[in-house]
Amino acid sequence: MPFDVSNGWPAALSGCVVTIRETGVSLGSLDLDDAEWRVLRAEPVFSLRIDDHPETHGWTTIHPDGTKTHREFEIPLTPVVVPPATLNHHDRAFWDWVMDTHGAEGRLLIWPESRRWWMVQEPDLELVLTCAPPGLFADESDVLSWWDFGTPRGRQEVEELAERYSVKWDE
């Protein structure tokens, strides 16, 4: 494991800011701006599922003619290098790669070779936690769009994360 992880989440890095930002509902659907994608391309990036997950993942596709194809694959248990081409323009390429490598759900940790920052995407909460030096990524957290109608359990989990990491919320 590249970072100390307790209760399913990595420890904050010294001198870094932790933010909570909204993301998509499937693994790999990050909502980063162009400058943030450039940070991801600056050096080799690794990924690893850090949730309890089955050994395999798969899905069945039903084609217009009614035929079906099934794809099943093993979920990596060790860090995987993210192909640089998936970080080039838009998060769709990254999303496709994550789906084919790690599956559609779970908790995904990504970090650079230098280990100077990390991101954890948690699609069940529609968020990504980012721990990075100030100014590298957004320094303030998003107000999550689902907050007013989300489940009490979901709001509690986000509040616990915010407390754990001393998150600064965007006003």
N, C-alpha and C. Protein backbone atom coordinates (compact mmCIF):
# COMPACT_ATOMS: atom_id res chain seq x y z
N MET A 1 0.85 -1.18 0.00
CA MET A 1 0.00 0.00 0.00
C MET A 1 0.90 1.25 0.00
N PRO A 2 0.64 2.19 -0.89
CA PRO A 2 1.52 3.35 -1.00
C PRO A 2 1.39 4.34 0.17
N PHE A 3 0.26 4.32 0.87
CA PHE A 3 0.01 5.23 1.98
C PHE A 3 -0.61 4.44 3.12
N ASP A 4 -0.47 4.95 4.34
CA ASP A 4 -1.16 4.33 5.46
C ASP A 4 -2.66 4.51 5.25
N VAL A 5 -3.40 3.42 5.39
CA VAL A 5 -4.86 3.45 5.22
C VAL A 5 -5.49 2.93 6.50
N SER A 6 -6.44 3.70 7.04
CA SER A 6 -7.19 3.21 8.19
C SER A 6 -8.66 3.50 7.95
N ASN A 7 -9.48 2.54 8.33
CA ASN A 7 -10.93 2.62 8.10
C ASN A 7 -11.26 2.92 6.65
N GLY A 8 -10.45 2.40 5.73
CA GLY A 8 -10.75 2.51 4.31
C GLY A 8 -10.29 3.78 3.62
N TRP A 9 -9.58 4.65 4.35
CA TRP A 9 -9.16 5.92 3.77
C TRP A 9 -7.68 6.17 4.08
N PRO A 10 -6.93 6.77 3.14
CA PRO A 10 -5.51 7.03 3.38
C PRO A 10 -5.30 8.19 4.37
N ALA A 11 -4.16 8.16 5.02
CA ALA A 11 -3.78 9.24 5.93
C ALA A 11 -3.45 10.49 5.12
N ALA A 12 -3.78 11.65 5.68
CA ALA A 12 -3.42 12.91 5.03
C ALA A 12 -1.90 13.06 5.01
N LEU A 13 -1.40 13.71 3.98
CA LEU A 13 0.03 13.96 3.83
C LEU A 13 0.38 15.29 4.49
N SER A 14 1.50 15.33 5.14
CA SER A 14 1.96 16.54 5.82
C SER A 14 2.07 17.70 4.84
N GLY A 15 1.58 18.86 5.25
CA GLY A 15 1.67 20.06 4.43
C GLY A 15 0.68 20.13 3.29
N CYS A 16 -0.25 19.20 3.24
CA CYS A 16 -1.21 19.15 2.14
C CYS A 16 -2.60 19.60 2.58
N VAL A 17 -3.40 20.01 1.61
CA VAL A 17 -4.79 20.39 1.80
C VAL A 17 -5.66 19.24 1.33
N VAL A 18 -6.66 18.86 2.13
CA VAL A 18 -7.61 17.82 1.71
C VAL A 18 -8.92 18.50 1.34
N THR A 19 -9.42 18.16 0.16
CA THR A 19 -10.71 18.69 -0.29
C THR A 19 -11.66 17.56 -0.62
N ILE A 20 -12.92 17.88 -0.57
CA ILE A 20 -14.00 16.98 -1.01
C ILE A 20 -14.67 17.68 -2.17
N ARG A 21 -14.70 16.97 -3.31
CA ARG A 21 -15.33 17.55 -4.50
C ARG A 21 -16.27 16.54 -5.13
N GLU A 22 -17.25 17.05 -5.82
CA GLU A 22 -18.25 16.18 -6.45
C GLU A 22 -17.64 15.47 -7.64
N THR A 23 -18.11 14.24 -7.86
CA THR A 23 -17.66 13.43 -8.98
C THR A 23 -18.83 12.60 -9.48
N GLY A 24 -18.60 11.80 -10.48
CA GLY A 24 -19.66 10.97 -11.06
C GLY A 24 -19.97 9.75 -10.22
N VAL A 25 -20.98 9.01 -10.65
CA VAL A 25 -21.48 7.86 -9.90
C VAL A 25 -20.84 6.55 -10.31
N SER A 26 -19.91 6.58 -11.25
CA SER A 26 -19.19 5.35 -11.58
C SER A 26 -17.70 5.59 -11.41
N LEU A 27 -17.01 4.55 -11.07
CA LEU A 27 -15.58 4.63 -10.81
C LEU A 27 -14.86 5.18 -12.03
N GLY A 28 -13.97 6.14 -11.81
CA GLY A 28 -13.20 6.72 -12.90
C GLY A 28 -13.81 7.97 -13.51
N SER A 29 -14.99 8.37 -13.05
CA SER A 29 -15.63 9.56 -13.62
C SER A 29 -15.26 10.79 -12.77
N LEU A 30 -14.04 11.22 -12.94
CA LEU A 30 -13.54 12.41 -12.24
C LEU A 30 -14.00 13.65 -12.97
N ASP A 31 -14.20 14.72 -12.24
CA ASP A 31 -14.59 15.99 -12.86
C ASP A 31 -13.49 17.00 -12.55
N LEU A 32 -12.41 16.92 -13.34
CA LEU A 32 -11.26 17.78 -13.12
C LEU A 32 -11.18 18.83 -14.22
N ASP A 33 -10.57 19.98 -13.90
CA ASP A 33 -10.38 20.97 -14.95
C ASP A 33 -9.08 20.67 -15.70
N ASP A 34 -8.84 21.42 -16.78
CA ASP A 34 -7.68 21.14 -17.64
C ASP A 34 -6.35 21.19 -16.88
N ALA A 35 -6.20 22.17 -15.99
CA ALA A 35 -4.95 22.29 -15.23
C ALA A 35 -4.74 21.08 -14.33
N GLU A 36 -5.82 20.55 -13.78
CA GLU A 36 -5.71 19.37 -12.91
C GLU A 36 -5.34 18.12 -13.72
N TRP A 37 -5.87 18.00 -14.94
CA TRP A 37 -5.47 16.88 -15.80
C TRP A 37 -3.99 16.98 -16.13
N ARG A 38 -3.49 18.22 -16.31
CA ARG A 38 -2.05 18.40 -16.58
C ARG A 38 -1.22 17.91 -15.39
N VAL A 39 -1.70 18.12 -14.16
CA VAL A 39 -0.99 17.62 -12.98
C VAL A 39 -0.92 16.09 -13.04
N LEU A 40 -2.02 15.46 -13.43
CA LEU A 40 -2.03 14.00 -13.51
C LEU A 40 -1.07 13.48 -14.59
N ARG A 41 -0.84 14.28 -15.62
CA ARG A 41 0.06 13.86 -16.71
C ARG A 41 1.52 14.18 -16.43
N ALA A 42 1.82 14.90 -15.35
CA ALA A 42 3.18 15.38 -15.09
C ALA A 42 4.17 14.27 -14.75
N GLU A 43 3.68 13.16 -14.25
CA GLU A 43 4.55 12.03 -13.90
C GLU A 43 3.70 10.77 -13.89
N PRO A 44 4.33 9.60 -13.87
CA PRO A 44 3.53 8.37 -13.84
C PRO A 44 2.54 8.36 -12.66
N VAL A 45 1.34 7.88 -12.95
CA VAL A 45 0.26 7.81 -11.96
C VAL A 45 -0.12 6.34 -11.77
N PHE A 46 -0.40 5.98 -10.54
CA PHE A 46 -0.79 4.62 -10.18
C PHE A 46 -2.21 4.61 -9.65
N SER A 47 -2.83 3.44 -9.69
CA SER A 47 -4.19 3.29 -9.18
C SER A 47 -4.32 1.95 -8.46
N LEU A 48 -5.26 1.92 -7.51
CA LEU A 48 -5.53 0.70 -6.75
C LEU A 48 -6.87 0.84 -6.06
N ARG A 49 -7.69 -0.21 -6.16
CA ARG A 49 -8.94 -0.25 -5.39
C ARG A 49 -8.59 -0.48 -3.93
N ILE A 50 -9.14 0.33 -3.02
CA ILE A 50 -8.84 0.18 -1.60
C ILE A 50 -10.08 -0.17 -0.78
N ASP A 51 -11.12 -0.62 -1.43
CA ASP A 51 -12.31 -1.08 -0.73
C ASP A 51 -12.28 -2.61 -0.66
N ASP A 52 -13.13 -3.17 0.17
CA ASP A 52 -13.31 -4.63 0.14
C ASP A 52 -14.07 -4.94 -1.14
N HIS A 53 -13.50 -5.76 -1.98
CA HIS A 53 -14.14 -6.04 -3.27
C HIS A 53 -13.92 -7.49 -3.66
N PRO A 54 -14.78 -7.99 -4.55
CA PRO A 54 -14.59 -9.36 -5.02
C PRO A 54 -13.34 -9.46 -5.88
N GLU A 55 -12.89 -10.66 -6.11
CA GLU A 55 -11.69 -10.88 -6.93
C GLU A 55 -11.92 -10.54 -8.39
N THR A 56 -13.17 -10.68 -8.84
CA THR A 56 -13.48 -10.42 -10.24
C THR A 56 -14.63 -9.43 -10.35
N HIS A 57 -14.74 -8.86 -11.53
CA HIS A 57 -15.84 -7.95 -11.85
C HIS A 57 -16.25 -8.27 -13.29
N GLY A 58 -17.46 -7.99 -13.63
CA GLY A 58 -17.89 -8.23 -15.00
C GLY A 58 -19.24 -7.64 -15.28
N TRP A 59 -19.62 -7.68 -16.53
CA TRP A 59 -20.92 -7.21 -16.95
C TRP A 59 -21.32 -7.90 -18.24
N THR A 60 -22.61 -7.86 -18.52
CA THR A 60 -23.16 -8.44 -19.73
C THR A 60 -23.71 -7.31 -20.59
N THR A 61 -23.39 -7.32 -21.87
CA THR A 61 -23.89 -6.34 -22.81
C THR A 61 -24.90 -7.03 -23.72
N ILE A 62 -26.08 -6.43 -23.82
CA ILE A 62 -27.10 -6.93 -24.75
C ILE A 62 -27.05 -6.06 -26.00
N HIS A 63 -26.79 -6.68 -27.12
CA HIS A 63 -26.64 -5.96 -28.39
C HIS A 63 -28.01 -5.77 -29.04
N PRO A 64 -28.11 -4.81 -29.99
CA PRO A 64 -29.41 -4.54 -30.64
C PRO A 64 -30.06 -5.78 -31.27
N ASP A 65 -29.24 -6.74 -31.72
CA ASP A 65 -29.81 -7.95 -32.33
C ASP A 65 -30.24 -8.98 -31.29
N GLY A 66 -30.09 -8.65 -30.01
CA GLY A 66 -30.50 -9.56 -28.95
C GLY A 66 -29.40 -10.47 -28.43
N THR A 67 -28.27 -10.51 -29.11
CA THR A 67 -27.17 -11.34 -28.62
C THR A 67 -26.54 -10.69 -27.40
N LYS A 68 -25.87 -11.51 -26.62
CA LYS A 68 -25.25 -11.02 -25.40
C LYS A 68 -23.77 -11.38 -25.40
N THR A 69 -22.98 -10.48 -24.84
CA THR A 69 -21.57 -10.78 -24.59
C THR A 69 -21.30 -10.50 -23.12
N HIS A 70 -20.49 -11.36 -22.54
CA HIS A 70 -20.15 -11.19 -21.13
C HIS A 70 -18.66 -10.97 -21.00
N ARG A 71 -18.29 -10.01 -20.20
CA ARG A 71 -16.88 -9.72 -19.94
C ARG A 71 -16.65 -9.82 -18.44
N GLU A 72 -15.66 -10.60 -18.06
CA GLU A 72 -15.30 -10.73 -16.66
C GLU A 72 -13.78 -10.63 -16.55
N PHE A 73 -13.30 -9.96 -15.50
CA PHE A 73 -11.87 -9.77 -15.34
C PHE A 73 -11.52 -9.72 -13.86
N GLU A 74 -10.24 -9.99 -13.57
CA GLU A 74 -9.76 -9.91 -12.20
C GLU A 74 -9.45 -8.47 -11.85
N ILE A 75 -9.82 -8.06 -10.64
CA ILE A 75 -9.52 -6.72 -10.15
C ILE A 75 -8.11 -6.77 -9.55
N PRO A 76 -7.22 -5.89 -9.99
CA PRO A 76 -5.84 -5.91 -9.49
C PRO A 76 -5.78 -5.73 -7.96
N LEU A 77 -4.89 -6.47 -7.34
CA LEU A 77 -4.68 -6.37 -5.90
C LEU A 77 -3.39 -5.61 -5.57
N THR A 78 -2.67 -5.22 -6.59
CA THR A 78 -1.46 -4.42 -6.44
C THR A 78 -1.58 -3.18 -7.32
N PRO A 79 -0.80 -2.15 -7.04
CA PRO A 79 -0.90 -0.91 -7.85
C PRO A 79 -0.69 -1.17 -9.34
N VAL A 80 -1.43 -0.41 -10.13
CA VAL A 80 -1.40 -0.50 -11.58
C VAL A 80 -1.01 0.87 -12.13
N VAL A 81 -0.09 0.90 -13.08
CA VAL A 81 0.26 2.17 -13.73
C VAL A 81 -0.88 2.57 -14.65
N VAL A 82 -1.32 3.82 -14.52
CA VAL A 82 -2.36 4.35 -15.40
C VAL A 82 -1.71 4.70 -16.73
N PRO A 83 -2.21 4.16 -17.83
CA PRO A 83 -1.61 4.50 -19.12
C PRO A 83 -1.69 6.00 -19.38
N PRO A 84 -0.57 6.65 -19.71
CA PRO A 84 -0.58 8.10 -19.92
C PRO A 84 -1.61 8.56 -20.95
N ALA A 85 -1.87 7.76 -21.95
CA ALA A 85 -2.85 8.14 -22.98
C ALA A 85 -4.25 8.32 -22.42
N THR A 86 -4.55 7.71 -21.29
CA THR A 86 -5.89 7.86 -20.70
C THR A 86 -6.04 9.18 -19.96
N LEU A 87 -4.95 9.91 -19.79
CA LEU A 87 -4.97 11.18 -19.06
C LEU A 87 -4.79 12.39 -19.97
N ASN A 88 -4.94 12.19 -21.28
CA ASN A 88 -4.60 13.25 -22.22
C ASN A 88 -5.60 14.38 -22.37
N HIS A 89 -6.85 14.13 -22.61
CA HIS A 89 -7.74 15.22 -22.97
C HIS A 89 -8.96 15.34 -22.06
N HIS A 90 -9.66 14.29 -21.90
CA HIS A 90 -10.93 14.33 -21.17
C HIS A 90 -11.01 13.08 -20.32
N ASP A 91 -11.81 13.15 -19.28
CA ASP A 91 -11.84 12.01 -18.37
C ASP A 91 -12.52 10.78 -18.95
N ARG A 92 -13.11 10.83 -20.12
CA ARG A 92 -13.76 9.65 -20.71
C ARG A 92 -12.76 8.52 -20.94
N ALA A 93 -11.58 8.85 -21.43
CA ALA A 93 -10.56 7.80 -21.66
C ALA A 93 -10.14 7.18 -20.33
N PHE A 94 -9.97 8.00 -19.30
CA PHE A 94 -9.63 7.48 -17.99
C PHE A 94 -10.76 6.61 -17.45
N TRP A 95 -11.99 7.08 -17.59
CA TRP A 95 -13.16 6.33 -17.13
C TRP A 95 -13.22 4.96 -17.81
N ASP A 96 -13.04 4.94 -19.13
CA ASP A 96 -13.06 3.66 -19.86
C ASP A 96 -11.99 2.71 -19.32
N TRP A 97 -10.77 3.24 -19.12
CA TRP A 97 -9.68 2.41 -18.63
C TRP A 97 -9.99 1.88 -17.22
N VAL A 98 -10.49 2.74 -16.35
CA VAL A 98 -10.83 2.31 -14.99
C VAL A 98 -11.89 1.23 -15.04
N MET A 99 -12.92 1.41 -15.84
CA MET A 99 -13.99 0.40 -15.95
C MET A 99 -13.41 -0.95 -16.37
N ASP A 100 -12.49 -0.94 -17.33
CA ASP A 100 -11.91 -2.18 -17.83
C ASP A 100 -10.86 -2.78 -16.90
N THR A 101 -10.33 -1.99 -15.98
CA THR A 101 -9.26 -2.45 -15.10
C THR A 101 -9.74 -2.72 -13.68
N HIS A 102 -10.52 -1.78 -13.13
CA HIS A 102 -10.92 -1.85 -11.72
C HIS A 102 -12.41 -2.11 -11.52
N GLY A 103 -13.20 -1.99 -12.58
CA GLY A 103 -14.64 -2.19 -12.46
C GLY A 103 -15.39 -0.88 -12.36
N ALA A 104 -16.69 -0.99 -12.13
CA ALA A 104 -17.57 0.18 -12.17
C ALA A 104 -17.83 0.81 -10.81
N GLU A 105 -17.46 0.12 -9.76
CA GLU A 105 -17.78 0.64 -8.43
C GLU A 105 -16.64 0.33 -7.48
N GLY A 106 -16.71 0.89 -6.29
CA GLY A 106 -15.67 0.68 -5.29
C GLY A 106 -15.03 1.99 -4.90
N ARG A 107 -13.89 1.90 -4.29
CA ARG A 107 -13.14 3.09 -3.84
C ARG A 107 -11.77 3.01 -4.48
N LEU A 108 -11.46 4.01 -5.32
CA LEU A 108 -10.23 3.99 -6.11
C LEU A 108 -9.26 5.05 -5.61
N LEU A 109 -8.05 4.61 -5.30
CA LEU A 109 -6.96 5.50 -4.91
C LEU A 109 -6.06 5.70 -6.12
N ILE A 110 -5.72 6.97 -6.42
CA ILE A 110 -4.74 7.27 -7.45
C ILE A 110 -3.70 8.21 -6.86
N TRP A 111 -2.45 8.08 -7.35
CA TRP A 111 -1.36 8.89 -6.82
C TRP A 111 -0.22 8.91 -7.83
N PRO A 112 0.65 9.92 -7.75
CA PRO A 112 1.79 9.97 -8.65
C PRO A 112 2.96 9.19 -8.09
N GLU A 113 3.92 8.94 -8.95
CA GLU A 113 5.12 8.21 -8.54
C GLU A 113 5.82 8.88 -7.35
N SER A 114 5.79 10.22 -7.29
CA SER A 114 6.45 10.95 -6.21
C SER A 114 5.71 10.83 -4.88
N ARG A 115 4.46 10.38 -4.93
CA ARG A 115 3.60 10.26 -3.73
C ARG A 115 3.41 11.59 -3.01
N ARG A 116 3.45 12.69 -3.76
CA ARG A 116 3.26 13.99 -3.12
C ARG A 116 1.80 14.40 -3.02
N TRP A 117 0.92 13.64 -3.66
CA TRP A 117 -0.52 13.86 -3.54
C TRP A 117 -1.23 12.54 -3.75
N TRP A 118 -2.51 12.49 -3.37
CA TRP A 118 -3.36 11.35 -3.68
C TRP A 118 -4.78 11.82 -3.89
N MET A 119 -5.56 11.00 -4.60
CA MET A 119 -7.01 11.19 -4.77
C MET A 119 -7.67 9.87 -4.46
N VAL A 120 -8.83 9.94 -3.84
CA VAL A 120 -9.65 8.75 -3.63
C VAL A 120 -11.05 9.08 -4.13
N GLN A 121 -11.49 8.31 -5.11
CA GLN A 121 -12.85 8.49 -5.61
C GLN A 121 -13.76 7.48 -4.94
N GLU A 122 -14.89 7.96 -4.42
CA GLU A 122 -15.91 7.11 -3.79
C GLU A 122 -17.23 7.41 -4.49
N PRO A 123 -17.55 6.64 -5.55
CA PRO A 123 -18.77 6.91 -6.32
C PRO A 123 -20.06 6.79 -5.51
N ASP A 124 -20.10 5.93 -4.49
CA ASP A 124 -21.31 5.81 -3.69
C ASP A 124 -21.68 7.14 -3.03
N LEU A 125 -20.68 7.95 -2.73
CA LEU A 125 -20.91 9.27 -2.14
C LEU A 125 -20.77 10.39 -3.18
N GLU A 126 -20.53 10.01 -4.43
CA GLU A 126 -20.34 10.95 -5.53
C GLU A 126 -19.30 12.00 -5.19
N LEU A 127 -18.15 11.54 -4.67
CA LEU A 127 -17.11 12.49 -4.31
C LEU A 127 -15.73 11.94 -4.58
N VAL A 128 -14.81 12.87 -4.66
CA VAL A 128 -13.39 12.55 -4.72
C VAL A 128 -12.70 13.37 -3.65
N LEU A 129 -11.94 12.70 -2.81
CA LEU A 129 -11.08 13.37 -1.84
C LEU A 129 -9.74 13.60 -2.51
N THR A 130 -9.19 14.78 -2.36
CA THR A 130 -7.88 15.08 -2.90
C THR A 130 -7.02 15.60 -1.76
N CYS A 131 -5.85 15.04 -1.64
CA CYS A 131 -4.86 15.48 -0.64
C CYS A 131 -3.63 15.91 -1.42
N ALA A 132 -3.37 17.22 -1.43
CA ALA A 132 -2.29 17.74 -2.28
C ALA A 132 -1.72 19.02 -1.68
N PRO A 133 -0.50 19.36 -2.08
CA PRO A 133 0.05 20.65 -1.66
C PRO A 133 -0.87 21.79 -2.11
N PRO A 134 -0.95 22.85 -1.32
CA PRO A 134 -1.81 23.99 -1.70
C PRO A 134 -1.50 24.48 -3.11
N GLY A 135 -2.58 24.76 -3.87
CA GLY A 135 -2.45 25.29 -5.21
C GLY A 135 -2.27 24.27 -6.31
N LEU A 136 -2.04 23.02 -5.98
CA LEU A 136 -1.85 22.00 -7.02
C LEU A 136 -3.18 21.61 -7.65
N PHE A 137 -4.19 21.42 -6.81
CA PHE A 137 -5.56 21.17 -7.23
C PHE A 137 -6.42 22.24 -6.56
N ALA A 138 -7.73 22.18 -6.74
CA ALA A 138 -8.61 23.14 -6.07
C ALA A 138 -8.38 23.07 -4.56
N ASP A 139 -8.31 24.24 -3.91
CA ASP A 139 -8.03 24.28 -2.47
C ASP A 139 -9.28 24.32 -1.61
N GLU A 140 -10.46 24.45 -2.21
CA GLU A 140 -11.70 24.46 -1.44
C GLU A 140 -12.60 23.33 -1.90
N SER A 141 -13.43 22.88 -0.98
CA SER A 141 -14.33 21.76 -1.26
C SER A 141 -15.63 22.24 -1.86
N ASP A 142 -16.28 21.35 -2.61
CA ASP A 142 -17.59 21.62 -3.20
C ASP A 142 -18.69 21.38 -2.19
N VAL A 143 -19.77 22.14 -2.33
CA VAL A 143 -21.01 21.76 -1.67
C VAL A 143 -21.61 20.70 -2.58
N LEU A 144 -21.84 19.52 -2.07
CA LEU A 144 -22.30 18.40 -2.90
C LEU A 144 -23.75 18.62 -3.32
N SER A 145 -24.04 18.45 -4.61
CA SER A 145 -25.38 18.75 -5.14
C SER A 145 -26.47 17.87 -4.54
N TRP A 146 -26.12 16.70 -4.03
CA TRP A 146 -27.11 15.77 -3.47
C TRP A 146 -27.35 16.00 -1.99
N TRP A 147 -26.65 16.94 -1.38
CA TRP A 147 -26.66 17.09 0.07
C TRP A 147 -28.08 17.25 0.64
N ASP A 148 -28.91 18.08 0.04
CA ASP A 148 -30.25 18.37 0.60
C ASP A 148 -31.21 17.19 0.53
N PHE A 149 -30.99 16.28 -0.42
CA PHE A 149 -31.91 15.14 -0.54
C PHE A 149 -31.21 13.80 -0.32
N GLY A 150 -29.94 13.84 0.04
CA GLY A 150 -29.19 12.60 0.27
C GLY A 150 -29.63 11.89 1.54
N THR A 151 -29.22 10.66 1.67
CA THR A 151 -29.60 9.87 2.85
C THR A 151 -28.86 10.38 4.09
N PRO A 152 -29.47 10.21 5.25
CA PRO A 152 -28.75 10.58 6.49
C PRO A 152 -27.41 9.86 6.61
N ARG A 153 -27.36 8.60 6.21
CA ARG A 153 -26.10 7.84 6.29
C ARG A 153 -25.04 8.46 5.38
N GLY A 154 -25.42 8.83 4.16
CA GLY A 154 -24.48 9.45 3.23
C GLY A 154 -23.96 10.77 3.76
N ARG A 155 -24.86 11.61 4.28
CA ARG A 155 -24.43 12.89 4.85
C ARG A 155 -23.51 12.68 6.04
N GLN A 156 -23.82 11.67 6.87
CA GLN A 156 -22.97 11.38 8.04
C GLN A 156 -21.57 10.94 7.60
N GLU A 157 -21.49 10.09 6.58
CA GLU A 157 -20.19 9.64 6.09
C GLU A 157 -19.36 10.82 5.59
N VAL A 158 -19.99 11.75 4.87
CA VAL A 158 -19.27 12.92 4.36
C VAL A 158 -18.84 13.81 5.53
N GLU A 159 -19.72 14.00 6.51
CA GLU A 159 -19.36 14.81 7.68
C GLU A 159 -18.18 14.19 8.43
N GLU A 160 -18.16 12.87 8.55
CA GLU A 160 -17.05 12.19 9.23
C GLU A 160 -15.74 12.37 8.45
N LEU A 161 -15.82 12.29 7.11
CA LEU A 161 -14.63 12.52 6.29
C LEU A 161 -14.15 13.96 6.44
N ALA A 162 -15.08 14.91 6.41
CA ALA A 162 -14.72 16.32 6.55
C ALA A 162 -14.05 16.57 7.90
N GLU A 163 -14.55 15.96 8.93
CA GLU A 163 -13.94 16.13 10.26
C GLU A 163 -12.57 15.45 10.31
N ARG A 164 -12.50 14.24 9.79
CA ARG A 164 -11.24 13.49 9.81
C ARG A 164 -10.11 14.25 9.15
N TYR A 165 -10.41 14.90 8.00
CA TYR A 165 -9.39 15.58 7.22
C TYR A 165 -9.38 17.11 7.39
N SER A 166 -10.18 17.63 8.32
CA SER A 166 -10.25 19.09 8.55
C SER A 166 -10.52 19.83 7.24
N VAL A 167 -11.56 19.40 6.54
CA VAL A 167 -11.89 19.94 5.22
C VAL A 167 -12.41 21.37 5.34
N LYS A 168 -11.92 22.23 4.45
CA LYS A 168 -12.37 23.61 4.33
C LYS A 168 -13.44 23.67 3.25
N TRP A 169 -14.66 24.05 3.59
CA TRP A 169 -15.78 24.07 2.63
C TRP A 169 -15.84 25.41 1.91
N ASP A 170 -16.20 25.37 0.63
CA ASP A 170 -16.43 26.56 -0.17
C ASP A 170 -17.67 27.26 0.36
N GLU A 171 -17.58 28.54 0.60
CA GLU A 171 -18.72 29.29 1.15
C GLU A 171 -19.54 29.91 0.02
